Amino acid sequence: MSEEKYPHSGPRPLYAVTIHHCGASGNLNEMKKVAAEAEEHLRAHGNIGAALEALKMEIAKLEAKH
């Protein structure tokens, strides 16, 4: 994956596929950019995995009442 073929001038979704493709690209500069974007995303939005688990627990509590 080269920067010429896949230019990233703006925000990009940080789905796992984006991170995995970047890791497989061999492009060190792009890897560093994506890592920095992912770190910024975590700072701004927190641990989405933990938030999802908390949401699932709340769903389970409500479903148990019905």
Protein backbone atom coordinates (compact mmCIF):
# COMPACT_ATOMS: atom_id res chain seq x y z
CA MET A 1 0.00 0.00 0.00
CA SER A 2 1.72 3.17 -1.07
CA GLU A 3 0.85 6.72 -0.17
CA GLU A 4 0.46 7.50 -3.86
CA LYS A 5 -2.16 4.80 -4.34
CA TYR A 6 -3.95 5.48 -1.03
CA PRO A 7 -3.53 9.17 -0.19
CA HIS A 8 -4.75 10.16 3.27
CA SER A 9 -5.02 13.92 3.37
CA GLY A 10 -7.93 14.02 5.81
CA PRO A 11 -9.47 12.05 8.63
CA ARG A 12 -9.85 8.31 8.05
CA PRO A 13 -11.81 5.74 10.01
CA LEU A 14 -9.55 3.83 12.37
CA TYR A 15 -11.20 0.47 11.87
CA ALA A 16 -9.06 -2.59 12.49
CA VAL A 17 -8.73 -3.12 8.74
CA THR A 18 -7.12 0.32 8.35
CA ILE A 19 -4.59 -0.45 11.06
CA HIS A 20 -3.89 -3.97 9.77
CA HIS A 21 -3.43 -2.80 6.17
CA CYS A 22 -1.11 -0.07 7.33
CA GLY A 23 0.94 -2.56 9.35
CA ALA A 24 1.26 -4.81 6.32
CA SER A 25 2.21 -1.95 4.02
CA GLY A 26 5.83 -1.73 5.11
CA ASN A 27 5.52 2.08 4.99
CA LEU A 28 7.10 3.26 8.23
CA ASN A 29 5.93 6.87 7.88
CA GLU A 30 2.34 5.77 7.26
CA MET A 31 2.50 3.36 10.22
CA LYS A 32 3.63 6.19 12.48
CA LYS A 33 0.84 8.46 11.20
CA VAL A 34 -1.84 5.83 11.81
CA ALA A 35 -0.42 5.03 15.27
CA ALA A 36 -0.54 8.73 16.17
CA GLU A 37 -4.12 9.01 14.85
CA ALA A 38 -5.16 5.96 16.88
CA GLU A 39 -3.55 7.36 20.03
CA GLU A 40 -5.33 10.68 19.52
CA HIS A 41 -8.63 8.84 18.98
CA LEU A 42 -8.17 7.01 22.29
CA ARG A 43 -7.35 10.27 24.09
CA ALA A 44 -10.44 11.94 22.62
CA HIS A 45 -12.91 9.07 22.90
CA GLY A 46 -11.58 6.71 25.54
CA ASN A 47 -11.59 2.96 25.47
CA ILE A 48 -14.47 2.11 23.17
CA GLY A 49 -14.14 -1.60 23.93
CA ALA A 50 -14.76 -0.97 27.64
CA ALA A 51 -17.65 1.36 26.85
CA LEU A 52 -19.21 -1.31 24.64
CA GLU A 53 -18.93 -3.90 27.40
CA ALA A 54 -20.62 -1.51 29.85
CA LEU A 55 -23.40 -0.93 27.32
CA LYS A 56 -23.88 -4.68 26.87
CA MET A 57 -24.17 -5.07 30.65
CA GLU A 58 -26.88 -2.42 30.75
CA ILE A 59 -28.72 -4.16 27.90
CA ALA A 60 -28.53 -7.47 29.76
CA LYS A 61 -29.91 -5.85 32.94
CA LEU A 62 -32.89 -4.41 31.06
CA GLU A 63 -33.53 -7.66 29.20
CA ALA A 64 -33.48 -9.58 32.48
CA LYS A 65 -36.30 -7.34 33.80
CA HIS A 66 -38.55 -8.18 30.83
